[in-house]
């Protein structure tokens, strides 16, 4: 079963203005799963990460009840 809304489009992701919050000079976004993701230096960075987050959640690879944050992993360069 999909959490996708009938009005959702594959062509683009529409961001709800209330999904983004600026606090202490940093940007965050809230998720349907109830997490707050961030911080990001710039709002476009938060928007890009939200788009990635939505794609990951829609893929089914991340359990919907997971409290894990989807943050990049800093891998040391070899």
PDB file of N, CA and C in Angstrom:
ATOM      1  N   UNK A   1       0.837  -1.179   0.000  1.00  0.00           N
ATOM      2  CA  UNK A   1       0.000   0.000   0.000  1.00  0.00           C
ATOM      3  C   UNK A   1       0.877   1.235   0.000  1.00  0.00           C
ATOM      4  N   UNK A   2       0.500   2.221  -0.754  1.00  0.00           N
ATOM      5  CA  UNK A   2       1.298   3.425  -0.907  1.00  0.00           C
ATOM      6  C   UNK A   2       0.713   4.572  -0.089  1.00  0.00           C
ATOM      7  N   UNK A   3       1.580   5.423   0.440  1.00  0.00           N
ATOM      8  CA  UNK A   3       1.134   6.629   1.133  1.00  0.00           C
ATOM      9  C   UNK A   3       0.975   7.787   0.156  1.00  0.00           C
ATOM     10  N   UNK A   4       1.105   7.497  -1.087  1.00  0.00           N
ATOM     11  CA  UNK A   4       1.038   8.506  -2.131  1.00  0.00           C
ATOM     12  C   UNK A   4      -0.379   9.042  -2.263  1.00  0.00           C
ATOM     13  N   UNK A   5      -0.490  10.344  -2.411  1.00  0.00           N
ATOM     14  CA  UNK A   5      -1.780  10.967  -2.622  1.00  0.00           C
ATOM     15  C   UNK A   5      -2.122  10.939  -4.098  1.00  0.00           C
ATOM     16  N   UNK A   6      -3.401  10.891  -4.431  1.00  0.00           N
ATOM     17  CA  UNK A   6      -3.829  10.878  -5.825  1.00  0.00           C
ATOM     18  C   UNK A   6      -3.342  12.121  -6.561  1.00  0.00           C
ATOM     19  N   UNK A   7      -3.254  13.244  -5.859  1.00  0.00           N
ATOM     20  CA  UNK A   7      -2.839  14.503  -6.488  1.00  0.00           C
ATOM     21  C   UNK A   7      -1.324  14.617  -6.647  1.00  0.00           C
ATOM     22  N   UNK A   8      -0.547  13.714  -6.022  1.00  0.00           N
ATOM     23  CA  UNK A   8       0.912  13.766  -6.143  1.00  0.00           C
ATOM     24  C   UNK A   8       1.323  13.506  -7.582  1.00  0.00           C
ATOM     25  N   UNK A   9       2.402  14.165  -7.997  1.00  0.00           N
ATOM     26  CA  UNK A   9       2.888  14.016  -9.359  1.00  0.00           C
ATOM     27  C   UNK A   9       4.322  13.524  -9.349  1.00  0.00           C
ATOM     28  N   UNK A  10       4.692  12.713 -10.353  1.00  0.00           N
ATOM     29  CA  UNK A  10       6.068  12.266 -10.487  1.00  0.00           C
ATOM     30  C   UNK A  10       6.955  13.382 -11.030  1.00  0.00           C
ATOM     31  N   UNK A  11       6.373  14.370 -11.668  1.00  0.00           N
ATOM     32  CA  UNK A  11       7.134  15.403 -12.354  1.00  0.00           C
ATOM     33  C   UNK A  11       7.889  16.318 -11.389  1.00  0.00           C
ATOM     34  N   UNK A  12       7.330  16.565 -10.236  1.00  0.00           N
ATOM     35  CA  UNK A  12       7.969  17.475  -9.286  1.00  0.00           C
ATOM     36  C   UNK A  12       7.427  17.217  -7.893  1.00  0.00           C
ATOM     37  N   UNK A  13       8.119  17.760  -6.920  1.00  0.00           N
ATOM     38  CA  UNK A  13       7.667  17.684  -5.547  1.00  0.00           C
ATOM     39  C   UNK A  13       7.246  19.081  -5.118  1.00  0.00           C
ATOM     40  N   UNK A  14       6.039  19.211  -4.630  1.00  0.00           N
ATOM     41  CA  UNK A  14       5.555  20.494  -4.146  1.00  0.00           C
ATOM     42  C   UNK A  14       5.829  20.557  -2.650  1.00  0.00           C
ATOM     43  N   UNK A  15       6.547  21.573  -2.224  1.00  0.00           N
ATOM     44  CA  UNK A  15       6.894  21.714  -0.825  1.00  0.00           C
ATOM     45  C   UNK A  15       5.865  22.590  -0.124  1.00  0.00           C
ATOM     46  N   UNK A  16       5.412  22.113   1.019  1.00  0.00           N
ATOM     47  CA  UNK A  16       4.499  22.916   1.825  1.00  0.00           C
ATOM     48  C   UNK A  16       5.322  23.948   2.582  1.00  0.00           C
ATOM     49  N   UNK A  17       4.922  25.216   2.544  1.00  0.00           N
ATOM     50  CA  UNK A  17       5.701  26.260   3.230  1.00  0.00           C
ATOM     51  C   UNK A  17       5.902  25.967   4.712  1.00  0.00           C
ATOM     52  N   UNK A  18       4.937  25.356   5.372  1.00  0.00           N
ATOM     53  CA  UNK A  18       5.052  25.102   6.806  1.00  0.00           C
ATOM     54  C   UNK A  18       5.995  23.951   7.124  1.00  0.00           C
ATOM     55  N   UNK A  19       6.440  23.236   6.117  1.00  0.00           N
ATOM     56  CA  UNK A  19       7.336  22.105   6.330  1.00  0.00           C
ATOM     57  C   UNK A  19       8.753  22.584   6.697  1.00  0.00           C
ATOM     58  N   UNK A  20       9.115  23.797   6.315  1.00  0.00           N
ATOM     59  CA  UNK A  20      10.457  24.330   6.558  1.00  0.00           C
ATOM     60  C   UNK A  20      10.444  25.328   7.709  1.00  0.00           C
ATOM     61  N   UNK A  21      11.492  25.228   8.528  1.00  0.00           N
ATOM     62  CA  UNK A  21      11.621  26.096   9.697  1.00  0.00           C
ATOM     63  C   UNK A  21      13.049  26.612   9.744  1.00  0.00           C
ATOM     64  N   UNK A  22      13.191  27.897  10.037  1.00  0.00           N
ATOM     65  CA  UNK A  22      14.524  28.467  10.241  1.00  0.00           C
ATOM     66  C   UNK A  22      14.663  28.785  11.721  1.00  0.00           C
ATOM     67  N   UNK A  23      15.667  28.173  12.332  1.00  0.00           N
ATOM     68  CA  UNK A  23      15.898  28.371  13.758  1.00  0.00           C
ATOM     69  C   UNK A  23      17.386  28.511  14.004  1.00  0.00           C
ATOM     70  N   UNK A  24      17.779  29.564  14.695  1.00  0.00           N
ATOM     71  CA  UNK A  24      19.192  29.785  14.990  1.00  0.00           C
ATOM     72  C   UNK A  24      20.042  29.950  13.737  1.00  0.00           C
ATOM     73  N   UNK A  25      19.441  30.487  12.668  1.00  0.00           N
ATOM     74  CA  UNK A  25      20.169  30.714  11.427  1.00  0.00           C
ATOM     75  C   UNK A  25      20.320  29.466  10.559  1.00  0.00           C
ATOM     76  N   UNK A  26      19.744  28.350  10.968  1.00  0.00           N
ATOM     77  CA  UNK A  26      19.823  27.093  10.227  1.00  0.00           C
ATOM     78  C   UNK A  26      18.421  26.662   9.797  1.00  0.00           C
ATOM     79  N   UNK A  27      18.353  25.913   8.690  1.00  0.00           N
ATOM     80  CA  UNK A  27      17.082  25.436   8.149  1.00  0.00           C
ATOM     81  C   UNK A  27      16.850  23.972   8.509  1.00  0.00           C
ATOM     82  N   UNK A  28      15.583  23.634   8.763  1.00  0.00           N
ATOM     83  CA  UNK A  28      15.132  22.287   9.085  1.00  0.00           C
ATOM     84  C   UNK A  28      13.851  22.013   8.305  1.00  0.00           C
ATOM     85  N   UNK A  29      13.533  20.730   8.116  1.00  0.00           N
ATOM     86  CA  UNK A  29      12.229  20.387   7.564  1.00  0.00           C
ATOM     87  C   UNK A  29      11.604  19.272   8.379  1.00  0.00           C
ATOM     88  N   UNK A  30      10.274  19.291   8.448  1.00  0.00           N
ATOM     89  CA  UNK A  30       9.556  18.244   9.159  1.00  0.00           C
ATOM     90  C   UNK A  30       9.089  17.189   8.168  1.00  0.00           C
ATOM     91  N   UNK A  31       8.907  15.976   8.669  1.00  0.00           N
ATOM     92  CA  UNK A  31       8.501  14.858   7.824  1.00  0.00           C
ATOM     93  C   UNK A  31       7.135  14.341   8.258  1.00  0.00           C
ATOM     94  N   UNK A  32       6.486  13.582   7.399  1.00  0.00           N
ATOM     95  CA  UNK A  32       5.218  12.936   7.749  1.00  0.00           C
ATOM     96  C   UNK A  32       5.417  11.937   8.874  1.00  0.00           C
ATOM     97  N   UNK A  33       6.625  11.426   8.985  1.00  0.00           N
ATOM     98  CA  UNK A  33       6.934  10.440  10.015  1.00  0.00           C
ATOM     99  C   UNK A  33       7.154  11.083  11.383  1.00  0.00           C
ATOM    100  N   UNK A  34       7.098  12.407  11.439  1.00  0.00           N
ATOM    101  CA  UNK A  34       7.203  13.114  12.714  1.00  0.00           C
ATOM    102  C   UNK A  34       8.608  13.488  13.128  1.00  0.00           C
ATOM    103  N   UNK A  35       9.574  13.420  12.211  1.00  0.00           N
ATOM    104  CA  UNK A  35      10.944  13.820  12.551  1.00  0.00           C
ATOM    105  C   UNK A  35      11.221  15.220  12.025  1.00  0.00           C
ATOM    106  N   UNK A  36      12.220  15.853  12.593  1.00  0.00           N
ATOM    107  CA  UNK A  36      12.697  17.149  12.134  1.00  0.00           C
ATOM    108  C   UNK A  36      14.110  16.924  11.620  1.00  0.00           C
ATOM    109  N   UNK A  37      14.331  17.178  10.334  1.00  0.00           N
ATOM    110  CA  UNK A  37      15.622  16.913   9.693  1.00  0.00           C
ATOM    111  C   UNK A  37      16.399  18.212   9.507  1.00  0.00           C
ATOM    112  N   UNK A  38      17.689  18.164   9.760  1.00  0.00           N
ATOM    113  CA  UNK A  38      18.540  19.327   9.606  1.00  0.00           C
ATOM    114  C   UNK A  38      19.674  19.241  10.598  1.00  0.00           C
ATOM    115  N   UNK A  39      20.449  20.249  10.736  1.00  0.00           N
ATOM    116  CA  UNK A  39      20.322  21.589  10.151  1.00  0.00           C
ATOM    117  C   UNK A  39      20.977  21.686   8.773  1.00  0.00           C
ATOM    118  N   UNK A  40      20.529  22.675   8.011  1.00  0.00           N
ATOM    119  CA  UNK A  40      21.077  22.998   6.702  1.00  0.00           C
ATOM    120  C   UNK A  40      21.407  24.480   6.681  1.00  0.00           C
ATOM    121  N   UNK A  41      22.499  24.828   6.044  1.00  0.00           N
ATOM    122  CA  UNK A  41      22.919  26.230   5.972  1.00  0.00           C
ATOM    123  C   UNK A  41      21.939  27.076   5.166  1.00  0.00           C
ATOM    124  N   UNK A  42      21.465  26.508   4.044  1.00  0.00           N
ATOM    125  CA  UNK A  42      20.601  27.259   3.132  1.00  0.00           C
ATOM    126  C   UNK A  42      19.288  26.519   2.916  1.00  0.00           C
ATOM    127  N   UNK A  43      18.210  27.263   2.682  1.00  0.00           N
ATOM    128  CA  UNK A  43      16.916  26.652   2.437  1.00  0.00           C
ATOM    129  C   UNK A  43      16.937  25.741   1.203  1.00  0.00           C
ATOM    130  N   UNK A  44      17.605  26.128   0.090  1.00  0.00           N
ATOM    131  CA  UNK A  44      17.653  25.202  -1.053  1.00  0.00           C
ATOM    132  C   UNK A  44      18.304  23.862  -0.709  1.00  0.00           C
ATOM    133  N   UNK A  45      19.261  23.859   0.223  1.00  0.00           N
ATOM    134  CA  UNK A  45      19.871  22.597   0.672  1.00  0.00           C
ATOM    135  C   UNK A  45      18.828  21.740   1.391  1.00  0.00           C
ATOM    136  N   UNK A  46      18.009  22.370   2.227  1.00  0.00           N
ATOM    137  CA  UNK A  46      16.944  21.650   2.931  1.00  0.00           C
ATOM    138  C   UNK A  46      15.912  21.124   1.934  1.00  0.00           C
ATOM    139  N   UNK A  47      15.585  21.908   0.926  1.00  0.00           N
ATOM    140  CA  UNK A  47      14.629  21.477  -0.099  1.00  0.00           C
ATOM    141  C   UNK A  47      15.164  20.275  -0.875  1.00  0.00           C
ATOM    142  N   UNK A  48      16.441  20.326  -1.234  1.00  0.00           N
ATOM    143  CA  UNK A  48      17.057  19.198  -1.950  1.00  0.00           C
ATOM    144  C   UNK A  48      17.031  17.930  -1.100  1.00  0.00           C
ATOM    145  N   UNK A  49      17.362  18.075   0.178  1.00  0.00           N
ATOM    146  CA  UNK A  49      17.377  16.903   1.061  1.00  0.00           C
ATOM    147  C   UNK A  49      15.975  16.364   1.259  1.00  0.00           C
ATOM    148  N   UNK A  50      14.977  17.252   1.357  1.00  0.00           N
ATOM    149  CA  UNK A  50      13.594  16.798   1.482  1.00  0.00           C
ATOM    150  C   UNK A  50      13.195  15.989   0.255  1.00  0.00           C
ATOM    151  N   UNK A  51      13.568  16.440  -0.917  1.00  0.00           N
ATOM    152  CA  UNK A  51      13.257  15.713  -2.143  1.00  0.00           C
ATOM    153  C   UNK A  51      13.881  14.313  -2.095  1.00  0.00           C
ATOM    154  N   UNK A  52      15.131  14.226  -1.644  1.00  0.00           N
ATOM    155  CA  UNK A  52      15.791  12.926  -1.503  1.00  0.00           C
ATOM    156  C   UNK A  52      15.086  12.070  -0.458  1.00  0.00           C
ATOM    157  N   UNK A  53      14.702  12.677   0.644  1.00  0.00           N
ATOM    158  CA  UNK A  53      14.010  11.978   1.725  1.00  0.00           C
ATOM    159  C   UNK A  53      12.715  11.348   1.205  1.00  0.00           C
ATOM    160  N   UNK A  54      11.954  12.126   0.452  1.00  0.00           N
ATOM    161  CA  UNK A  54      10.679  11.640  -0.091  1.00  0.00           C
ATOM    162  C   UNK A  54      10.919  10.454  -1.015  1.00  0.00           C
ATOM    163  N   UNK A  55      11.942  10.536  -1.858  1.00  0.00           N
ATOM    164  CA  UNK A  55      12.252   9.432  -2.770  1.00  0.00           C
ATOM    165  C   UNK A  55      12.652   8.178  -2.006  1.00  0.00           C
ATOM    166  N   UNK A  56      13.452   8.332  -0.958  1.00  0.00           N
ATOM    167  CA  UNK A  56      13.884   7.188  -0.151  1.00  0.00           C
ATOM    168  C   UNK A  56      12.685   6.554   0.546  1.00  0.00           C
ATOM    169  N   UNK A  57      11.818   7.367   1.141  1.00  0.00           N
ATOM    170  CA  UNK A  57      10.655   6.835   1.839  1.00  0.00           C
ATOM    171  C   UNK A  57       9.703   6.143   0.867  1.00  0.00           C
ATOM    172  N   UNK A  58       9.564   6.688  -0.330  1.00  0.00           N
ATOM    173  CA  UNK A  58       8.674   6.095  -1.334  1.00  0.00           C
ATOM    174  C   UNK A  58       9.249   4.794  -1.897  1.00  0.00           C
ATOM    175  N   UNK A  59      10.563   4.607  -1.804  1.00  0.00           N
ATOM    176  CA  UNK A  59      11.210   3.415  -2.364  1.00  0.00           C
ATOM    177  C   UNK A  59      10.905   2.154  -1.567  1.00  0.00           C
ATOM    178  N   UNK A  60      10.562   2.325  -0.295  1.00  0.00           N
ATOM    179  CA  UNK A  60      10.310   1.172   0.560  1.00  0.00           C
ATOM    180  C   UNK A  60      11.553   0.632   1.242  1.00  0.00           C
ATOM    181  N   UNK A  61      12.709   1.232   1.008  1.00  0.00           N
ATOM    182  CA  UNK A  61      13.948   0.764   1.633  1.00  0.00           C
ATOM    183  C   UNK A  61      14.069   1.192   3.091  1.00  0.00           C
ATOM    184  N   UNK A  62      13.359   2.227   3.481  1.00  0.00           N
ATOM    185  CA  UNK A  62      13.400   2.713   4.855  1.00  0.00           C
ATOM    186  C   UNK A  62      12.055   2.407   5.506  1.00  0.00           C
ATOM    187  N   UNK A  63      12.043   1.657   6.615  1.00  0.00           N
ATOM    188  CA  UNK A  63      10.769   1.367   7.283  1.00  0.00           C
ATOM    189  C   UNK A  63      10.074   2.661   7.703  1.00  0.00           C
ATOM    190  N   UNK A  64       8.783   2.756   7.481  1.00  0.00           N
ATOM    191  CA  UNK A  64       8.035   3.984   7.799  1.00  0.00           C
ATOM    192  C   UNK A  64       8.029   4.298   9.290  1.00  0.00           C
ATOM    193  N   UNK A  65       8.183   3.283  10.117  1.00  0.00           N
ATOM    194  CA  UNK A  65       8.178   3.528  11.558  1.00  0.00           C
ATOM    195  C   UNK A  65       9.585   3.759  12.109  1.00  0.00           C
ATOM    196  N   UNK A  66      10.565   3.893  11.233  1.00  0.00           N
ATOM    197  CA  UNK A  66      11.944   4.115  11.656  1.00  0.00           C
ATOM    198  C   UNK A  66      12.110   5.520  12.217  1.00  0.00           C
ATOM    199  N   UNK A  67      12.802   5.627  13.308  1.00  0.00           N
ATOM    200  CA  UNK A  67      13.115   6.936  13.896  1.00  0.00           C
ATOM    201  C   UNK A  67      14.500   7.404  13.449  1.00  0.00           C
ATOM    202  N   UNK A  68      15.088   6.689  12.497  1.00  0.00           N
ATOM    203  CA  UNK A  68      16.403   7.065  11.996  1.00  0.00           C
ATOM    204  C   UNK A  68      16.299   8.295  11.116  1.00  0.00           C
ATOM    205  N   UNK A  69      17.232   9.174  11.259  1.00  0.00           N
ATOM    206  CA  UNK A  69      17.315  10.348  10.414  1.00  0.00           C
ATOM    207  C   UNK A  69      18.080   9.986   9.154  1.00  0.00           C
ATOM    208  N   UNK A  70      17.670  10.531   8.042  1.00  0.00           N
ATOM    209  CA  UNK A  70      18.369  10.270   6.783  1.00  0.00           C
ATOM    210  C   UNK A  70      19.401  11.383   6.585  1.00  0.00           C
ATOM    211  N   UNK A  71      20.574  11.146   7.105  1.00  0.00           N
ATOM    212  CA  UNK A  71      21.662  12.112   7.017  1.00  0.00           C
ATOM    213  C   UNK A  71      22.801  11.481   6.231  1.00  0.00           C
ATOM    214  N   UNK A  72      23.559  12.285   5.503  1.00  0.00           N
ATOM    215  CA  UNK A  72      24.688  11.705   4.773  1.00  0.00           C
ATOM    216  C   UNK A  72      25.743  11.178   5.731  1.00  0.00           C
ATOM    217  N   UNK A  73      26.397  10.132   5.324  1.00  0.00           N
ATOM    218  CA  UNK A  73      27.478   9.550   6.129  1.00  0.00           C
ATOM    219  C   UNK A  73      28.794  10.109   5.633  1.00  0.00           C
ATOM    220  N   UNK A  74      29.602  10.620   6.542  1.00  0.00           N
ATOM    221  CA  UNK A  74      30.919  11.130   6.171  1.00  0.00           C
ATOM    222  C   UNK A  74      31.885   9.952   6.129  1.00  0.00           C
ATOM    223  N   UNK A  75      32.242   9.555   4.927  1.00  0.00           N
ATOM    224  CA  UNK A  75      33.158   8.442   4.724  1.00  0.00           C
ATOM    225  C   UNK A  75      34.544   9.005   4.462  1.00  0.00           C
ATOM    226  N   UNK A  76      35.541   8.564   5.227  1.00  0.00           N
ATOM    227  CA  UNK A  76      36.896   9.078   5.001  1.00  0.00           C
ATOM    228  C   UNK A  76      37.393   8.701   3.603  1.00  0.00           C
ATOM    229  N   UNK A  77      38.083   9.624   2.968  1.00  0.00           N
ATOM    230  CA  UNK A  77      38.649   9.361   1.638  1.00  0.00           C
ATOM    231  C   UNK A  77      39.881   8.483   1.789  1.00  0.00           C
ATOM    232  N   UNK A  78      40.000   7.516   0.908  1.00  0.00           N
ATOM    233  CA  UNK A  78      41.148   6.602   0.935  1.00  0.00           C
ATOM    234  C   UNK A  78      42.268   7.120   0.089  1.00  0.00           C
TER     235      UNK A  78
END
